[in-house]
């Protein structure tokens, strides 16, 4: 991340990381106990994460109507471009989360190939 002199630092949301990790672990334990496969557990956890990102995406989309009405056209256009860029990035993150989860789930469901014995001469 580049820092420009005079630019404010954006706030980080870090207070929920431990809570989320604990919740994910608990959900994993419950699904394991219920007999879910590792692939299904992984896919469900990723879907929950993607849903959280999608919820943030919806909040960002609503910001497009909150540009200051008495602002200049240039400020209004900049506001809309920022909202569109942020919404696009969040959609990308949610999509990537689901794609990666599907790939990992597919790998978990594929039985690992047992090494074939070496032929004896």
N, C-alpha and C. Protein backbone atom coordinates (compact mmCIF):
# COMPACT_ATOMS: atom_id res chain seq x y z
N UNK A 1 0.85 -1.16 0.00
CA UNK A 1 0.00 0.00 0.00
C UNK A 1 0.89 1.22 0.00
N UNK A 2 0.66 2.16 -0.91
CA UNK A 2 1.48 3.35 -0.96
C UNK A 2 0.89 4.42 -0.06
N UNK A 3 1.77 5.19 0.54
CA UNK A 3 1.33 6.29 1.40
C UNK A 3 1.75 7.59 0.76
N UNK A 4 0.82 8.49 0.61
CA UNK A 4 1.09 9.80 0.05
C UNK A 4 1.11 10.81 1.19
N UNK A 5 2.06 11.72 1.17
CA UNK A 5 2.09 12.74 2.24
C UNK A 5 0.79 13.53 2.24
N UNK A 6 0.28 13.77 3.41
CA UNK A 6 -0.94 14.55 3.54
C UNK A 6 -2.22 13.75 3.39
N UNK A 7 -2.13 12.51 2.98
CA UNK A 7 -3.33 11.68 2.81
C UNK A 7 -3.63 10.97 4.12
N UNK A 8 -4.90 10.98 4.49
CA UNK A 8 -5.32 10.28 5.71
C UNK A 8 -5.16 8.78 5.53
N UNK A 9 -4.85 8.12 6.61
CA UNK A 9 -4.84 6.66 6.59
C UNK A 9 -6.27 6.17 6.69
N UNK A 10 -6.58 5.14 5.91
CA UNK A 10 -7.92 4.57 5.99
C UNK A 10 -8.00 3.68 7.22
N UNK A 11 -9.14 3.71 7.91
CA UNK A 11 -9.27 2.86 9.11
C UNK A 11 -9.34 1.39 8.74
N UNK A 12 -8.73 0.56 9.55
CA UNK A 12 -8.78 -0.88 9.36
C UNK A 12 -9.82 -1.47 10.30
N UNK A 13 -10.54 -2.46 9.82
CA UNK A 13 -11.49 -3.17 10.66
C UNK A 13 -10.77 -4.44 11.11
N UNK A 14 -10.26 -4.41 12.32
CA UNK A 14 -9.48 -5.54 12.80
C UNK A 14 -10.09 -6.17 14.05
N UNK A 15 -11.12 -5.57 14.59
CA UNK A 15 -11.65 -6.05 15.85
C UNK A 15 -12.40 -7.37 15.73
N UNK A 16 -12.81 -7.74 14.54
CA UNK A 16 -13.61 -8.94 14.37
C UNK A 16 -12.81 -10.15 13.89
N UNK A 17 -11.54 -9.98 13.64
CA UNK A 17 -10.74 -11.09 13.09
C UNK A 17 -10.75 -12.30 14.02
N UNK A 18 -10.50 -12.10 15.30
CA UNK A 18 -10.46 -13.22 16.24
C UNK A 18 -11.86 -13.82 16.41
N UNK A 19 -12.86 -12.98 16.49
CA UNK A 19 -14.23 -13.46 16.61
C UNK A 19 -14.61 -14.31 15.40
N UNK A 20 -14.25 -13.84 14.21
CA UNK A 20 -14.56 -14.58 12.98
C UNK A 20 -13.81 -15.91 12.95
N UNK A 21 -12.54 -15.90 13.36
CA UNK A 21 -11.76 -17.14 13.37
C UNK A 21 -12.37 -18.15 14.33
N UNK A 22 -12.78 -17.69 15.50
CA UNK A 22 -13.41 -18.58 16.48
C UNK A 22 -14.75 -19.11 15.97
N UNK A 23 -15.52 -18.26 15.32
CA UNK A 23 -16.81 -18.69 14.78
C UNK A 23 -16.61 -19.71 13.67
N UNK A 24 -15.63 -19.47 12.81
CA UNK A 24 -15.36 -20.40 11.71
C UNK A 24 -14.93 -21.76 12.28
N UNK A 25 -14.10 -21.74 13.31
CA UNK A 25 -13.66 -22.98 13.94
C UNK A 25 -14.84 -23.73 14.54
N UNK A 26 -15.74 -23.00 15.21
CA UNK A 26 -16.91 -23.64 15.84
C UNK A 26 -17.85 -24.22 14.78
N UNK A 27 -18.09 -23.47 13.71
CA UNK A 27 -18.94 -23.97 12.62
C UNK A 27 -18.31 -25.22 12.02
N UNK A 28 -17.01 -25.19 11.83
CA UNK A 28 -16.30 -26.35 11.28
C UNK A 28 -16.48 -27.57 12.19
N UNK A 29 -16.31 -27.36 13.50
CA UNK A 29 -16.49 -28.46 14.45
C UNK A 29 -17.90 -29.03 14.41
N UNK A 30 -18.89 -28.15 14.36
CA UNK A 30 -20.29 -28.60 14.32
C UNK A 30 -20.59 -29.36 13.03
N UNK A 31 -20.10 -28.85 11.90
CA UNK A 31 -20.34 -29.53 10.63
C UNK A 31 -19.62 -30.87 10.57
N UNK A 32 -18.40 -30.91 11.11
CA UNK A 32 -17.66 -32.18 11.18
C UNK A 32 -18.44 -33.19 12.02
N UNK A 33 -18.95 -32.74 13.16
CA UNK A 33 -19.70 -33.62 14.05
C UNK A 33 -20.99 -34.11 13.39
N UNK A 34 -21.54 -33.28 12.51
CA UNK A 34 -22.77 -33.66 11.80
C UNK A 34 -22.49 -34.56 10.61
N UNK A 35 -21.21 -34.81 10.33
CA UNK A 35 -20.86 -35.71 9.24
C UNK A 35 -20.61 -35.05 7.90
N UNK A 36 -20.46 -33.73 7.90
CA UNK A 36 -20.17 -33.05 6.63
C UNK A 36 -18.75 -33.37 6.19
N UNK A 37 -18.57 -33.47 4.90
CA UNK A 37 -17.23 -33.74 4.36
C UNK A 37 -16.37 -32.48 4.49
N UNK A 38 -15.05 -32.66 4.51
CA UNK A 38 -14.17 -31.47 4.56
C UNK A 38 -14.44 -30.50 3.41
N UNK A 39 -14.74 -31.04 2.24
CA UNK A 39 -15.02 -30.18 1.09
C UNK A 39 -16.28 -29.35 1.33
N UNK A 40 -17.32 -29.98 1.86
CA UNK A 40 -18.57 -29.26 2.13
C UNK A 40 -18.36 -28.20 3.21
N UNK A 41 -17.61 -28.54 4.24
CA UNK A 41 -17.31 -27.58 5.32
C UNK A 41 -16.59 -26.37 4.73
N UNK A 42 -15.60 -26.63 3.90
CA UNK A 42 -14.83 -25.55 3.30
C UNK A 42 -15.73 -24.67 2.42
N UNK A 43 -16.56 -25.29 1.62
CA UNK A 43 -17.46 -24.56 0.72
C UNK A 43 -18.46 -23.72 1.51
N UNK A 44 -19.01 -24.27 2.57
CA UNK A 44 -19.98 -23.53 3.37
C UNK A 44 -19.33 -22.34 4.08
N UNK A 45 -18.14 -22.54 4.63
CA UNK A 45 -17.45 -21.42 5.27
C UNK A 45 -17.13 -20.32 4.27
N UNK A 46 -16.72 -20.70 3.08
CA UNK A 46 -16.42 -19.70 2.04
C UNK A 46 -17.69 -18.97 1.62
N UNK A 47 -18.80 -19.68 1.54
CA UNK A 47 -20.07 -19.04 1.17
C UNK A 47 -20.48 -18.01 2.22
N UNK A 48 -20.24 -18.32 3.48
CA UNK A 48 -20.54 -17.36 4.55
C UNK A 48 -19.66 -16.13 4.40
N UNK A 49 -18.37 -16.34 4.12
CA UNK A 49 -17.46 -15.21 3.93
C UNK A 49 -17.88 -14.37 2.72
N UNK A 50 -18.20 -15.02 1.62
CA UNK A 50 -18.61 -14.30 0.43
C UNK A 50 -19.92 -13.53 0.68
N UNK A 51 -20.80 -14.11 1.47
CA UNK A 51 -22.04 -13.42 1.81
C UNK A 51 -21.80 -12.16 2.62
N UNK A 52 -20.82 -12.22 3.51
CA UNK A 52 -20.48 -11.02 4.28
C UNK A 52 -19.94 -9.93 3.37
N UNK A 53 -19.11 -10.31 2.41
CA UNK A 53 -18.58 -9.34 1.46
C UNK A 53 -19.71 -8.78 0.60
N UNK A 54 -20.63 -9.65 0.19
CA UNK A 54 -21.77 -9.20 -0.61
C UNK A 54 -22.63 -8.21 0.16
N UNK A 55 -22.77 -8.43 1.45
CA UNK A 55 -23.53 -7.49 2.29
C UNK A 55 -22.86 -6.12 2.30
N UNK A 56 -21.53 -6.11 2.44
CA UNK A 56 -20.79 -4.84 2.38
C UNK A 56 -20.96 -4.21 1.00
N UNK A 57 -20.97 -5.02 -0.03
CA UNK A 57 -21.16 -4.55 -1.40
C UNK A 57 -22.50 -3.80 -1.52
N UNK A 58 -23.54 -4.37 -0.96
CA UNK A 58 -24.85 -3.72 -0.99
C UNK A 58 -24.84 -2.37 -0.29
N UNK A 59 -24.11 -2.29 0.81
CA UNK A 59 -24.00 -1.02 1.54
C UNK A 59 -23.27 0.02 0.69
N UNK A 60 -22.24 -0.41 -0.02
CA UNK A 60 -21.47 0.51 -0.86
C UNK A 60 -22.33 1.01 -2.02
N UNK A 61 -23.10 0.11 -2.63
CA UNK A 61 -23.96 0.49 -3.76
C UNK A 61 -24.90 1.62 -3.35
N UNK A 62 -25.39 1.57 -2.12
CA UNK A 62 -26.31 2.61 -1.65
C UNK A 62 -25.63 3.97 -1.53
N UNK A 63 -24.32 4.00 -1.44
CA UNK A 63 -23.61 5.27 -1.32
C UNK A 63 -23.67 6.11 -2.59
N UNK A 64 -24.01 5.49 -3.71
CA UNK A 64 -24.03 6.26 -4.96
C UNK A 64 -25.06 7.38 -4.92
N UNK A 65 -26.05 7.24 -4.09
CA UNK A 65 -27.09 8.27 -3.99
C UNK A 65 -26.77 9.30 -2.91
N UNK A 66 -25.66 9.13 -2.21
CA UNK A 66 -25.35 10.01 -1.09
C UNK A 66 -24.31 11.08 -1.40
N UNK A 67 -23.99 11.26 -2.66
CA UNK A 67 -23.08 12.35 -3.01
C UNK A 67 -23.77 13.67 -2.64
N UNK A 68 -22.98 14.62 -2.22
CA UNK A 68 -23.55 15.90 -1.82
C UNK A 68 -24.27 16.54 -3.01
N UNK A 69 -25.53 16.87 -2.81
CA UNK A 69 -26.33 17.38 -3.92
C UNK A 69 -25.86 18.75 -4.38
N UNK A 70 -25.24 19.52 -3.49
CA UNK A 70 -24.79 20.85 -3.89
C UNK A 70 -23.32 20.86 -4.32
N UNK A 71 -22.76 19.68 -4.55
CA UNK A 71 -21.36 19.60 -4.97
C UNK A 71 -21.25 19.83 -6.47
N UNK A 72 -20.04 20.13 -6.89
CA UNK A 72 -19.80 20.35 -8.32
C UNK A 72 -19.94 19.03 -9.07
N UNK A 73 -20.09 19.15 -10.39
CA UNK A 73 -20.17 17.95 -11.22
C UNK A 73 -18.92 17.11 -11.10
N UNK A 74 -17.78 17.76 -10.98
CA UNK A 74 -16.51 17.05 -10.86
C UNK A 74 -16.46 16.24 -9.56
N UNK A 75 -16.90 16.84 -8.47
CA UNK A 75 -16.93 16.13 -7.19
C UNK A 75 -17.94 14.99 -7.25
N UNK A 76 -19.09 15.24 -7.81
CA UNK A 76 -20.13 14.22 -7.93
C UNK A 76 -19.63 13.04 -8.78
N UNK A 77 -18.98 13.34 -9.91
CA UNK A 77 -18.43 12.29 -10.77
C UNK A 77 -17.35 11.50 -10.04
N UNK A 78 -16.50 12.18 -9.29
CA UNK A 78 -15.45 11.50 -8.52
C UNK A 78 -16.04 10.59 -7.47
N UNK A 79 -17.11 11.06 -6.81
CA UNK A 79 -17.81 10.25 -5.80
C UNK A 79 -18.34 8.98 -6.44
N UNK A 80 -19.02 9.13 -7.57
CA UNK A 80 -19.60 7.96 -8.24
C UNK A 80 -18.52 7.00 -8.71
N UNK A 81 -17.41 7.50 -9.23
CA UNK A 81 -16.32 6.62 -9.67
C UNK A 81 -15.73 5.85 -8.49
N UNK A 82 -15.62 6.52 -7.34
CA UNK A 82 -15.09 5.85 -6.14
C UNK A 82 -16.04 4.75 -5.67
N UNK A 83 -17.34 5.04 -5.69
CA UNK A 83 -18.33 4.04 -5.29
C UNK A 83 -18.30 2.86 -6.25
N UNK A 84 -18.24 3.13 -7.55
CA UNK A 84 -18.21 2.06 -8.55
C UNK A 84 -16.95 1.21 -8.40
N UNK A 85 -15.81 1.85 -8.17
CA UNK A 85 -14.55 1.11 -8.02
C UNK A 85 -14.59 0.22 -6.78
N UNK A 86 -15.11 0.76 -5.69
CA UNK A 86 -15.19 -0.02 -4.45
C UNK A 86 -16.17 -1.18 -4.61
N UNK A 87 -17.32 -0.91 -5.19
CA UNK A 87 -18.32 -1.97 -5.41
C UNK A 87 -17.76 -3.06 -6.31
N UNK A 88 -17.05 -2.66 -7.35
CA UNK A 88 -16.45 -3.63 -8.27
C UNK A 88 -15.43 -4.50 -7.54
N UNK A 89 -14.61 -3.88 -6.72
CA UNK A 89 -13.59 -4.64 -5.99
C UNK A 89 -14.22 -5.63 -5.01
N UNK A 90 -15.26 -5.20 -4.32
CA UNK A 90 -15.94 -6.11 -3.39
C UNK A 90 -16.59 -7.27 -4.12
N UNK A 91 -17.20 -7.01 -5.28
CA UNK A 91 -17.78 -8.10 -6.06
C UNK A 91 -16.69 -9.08 -6.49
N UNK A 92 -15.54 -8.55 -6.87
CA UNK A 92 -14.41 -9.40 -7.26
C UNK A 92 -13.96 -10.27 -6.08
N UNK A 93 -13.87 -9.69 -4.90
CA UNK A 93 -13.44 -10.44 -3.71
C UNK A 93 -14.42 -11.56 -3.40
N UNK A 94 -15.72 -11.27 -3.45
CA UNK A 94 -16.73 -12.30 -3.17
C UNK A 94 -16.65 -13.42 -4.20
N UNK A 95 -16.55 -13.05 -5.48
CA UNK A 95 -16.44 -14.06 -6.54
C UNK A 95 -15.19 -14.91 -6.38
N UNK A 96 -14.06 -14.27 -6.09
CA UNK A 96 -12.80 -14.98 -5.91
C UNK A 96 -12.88 -15.94 -4.73
N UNK A 97 -13.51 -15.52 -3.65
CA UNK A 97 -13.66 -16.37 -2.47
C UNK A 97 -14.41 -17.65 -2.82
N UNK A 98 -15.49 -17.52 -3.56
CA UNK A 98 -16.30 -18.69 -3.94
C UNK A 98 -15.54 -19.57 -4.94
N UNK A 99 -14.88 -18.96 -5.93
CA UNK A 99 -14.11 -19.75 -6.91
C UNK A 99 -13.00 -20.55 -6.23
N UNK A 100 -12.27 -19.90 -5.34
CA UNK A 100 -11.19 -20.60 -4.65
C UNK A 100 -11.74 -21.71 -3.77
N UNK A 101 -12.87 -21.47 -3.13
CA UNK A 101 -13.47 -22.50 -2.28
C UNK A 101 -13.90 -23.70 -3.11
N UNK A 102 -14.47 -23.45 -4.28
CA UNK A 102 -14.89 -24.55 -5.15
C UNK A 102 -13.69 -25.37 -5.60
N UNK A 103 -12.60 -24.68 -5.94
CA UNK A 103 -11.39 -25.39 -6.38
C UNK A 103 -10.82 -26.22 -5.23
N UNK A 104 -10.78 -25.64 -4.04
CA UNK A 104 -10.27 -26.38 -2.88
C UNK A 104 -11.17 -27.55 -2.55
N UNK A 105 -12.48 -27.33 -2.61
CA UNK A 105 -13.43 -28.41 -2.32
C UNK A 105 -13.27 -29.54 -3.31
N UNK A 106 -13.08 -29.21 -4.57
CA UNK A 106 -12.88 -30.25 -5.59
C UNK A 106 -11.61 -31.03 -5.30
N UNK A 107 -10.56 -30.34 -4.87
CA UNK A 107 -9.31 -31.03 -4.54
C UNK A 107 -9.48 -31.92 -3.31
N UNK A 108 -10.28 -31.45 -2.34
CA UNK A 108 -10.51 -32.26 -1.14
C UNK A 108 -11.34 -33.50 -1.44
N UNK A 109 -12.23 -33.39 -2.43
CA UNK A 109 -13.09 -34.53 -2.77
C UNK A 109 -12.38 -35.56 -3.64
N UNK A 110 -11.32 -35.15 -4.31
CA UNK A 110 -10.58 -36.06 -5.17
C UNK A 110 -9.66 -36.90 -4.31
N UNK A 111 -9.86 -38.21 -4.31
CA UNK A 111 -8.98 -39.04 -3.49
C UNK A 111 -7.55 -38.94 -4.02
N UNK A 112 -6.64 -38.82 -3.09
CA UNK A 112 -5.24 -38.71 -3.52
C UNK A 112 -4.82 -40.05 -4.13
N UNK A 113 -4.09 -39.93 -5.19
CA UNK A 113 -3.65 -41.14 -5.89
C UNK A 113 -2.61 -41.85 -5.04
N UNK A 114 -2.85 -43.09 -4.80
CA UNK A 114 -1.87 -43.89 -4.03
C UNK A 114 -0.67 -44.15 -4.92
N UNK A 115 0.51 -43.99 -4.36
CA UNK A 115 1.69 -44.24 -5.20
C UNK A 115 1.70 -45.69 -5.67
N UNK A 116 1.95 -45.84 -6.94
CA UNK A 116 1.97 -47.20 -7.48
C UNK A 116 3.29 -47.86 -7.10
N UNK A 117 3.23 -49.16 -6.82
CA UNK A 117 4.46 -49.84 -6.43
C UNK A 117 5.45 -49.87 -7.60
N UNK A 118 6.69 -49.77 -7.26
CA UNK A 118 7.72 -49.82 -8.29
C UNK A 118 7.86 -51.24 -8.78
N UNK A 119 7.84 -51.43 -10.10
CA UNK A 119 7.96 -52.80 -10.62
C UNK A 119 9.34 -53.37 -10.27
N UNK A 120 9.33 -54.62 -9.91
CA UNK A 120 10.61 -55.29 -9.59
C UNK A 120 11.19 -55.90 -10.86
N UNK A 121 12.48 -55.81 -11.00
CA UNK A 121 13.10 -56.40 -12.21
C UNK A 121 13.05 -57.90 -12.19
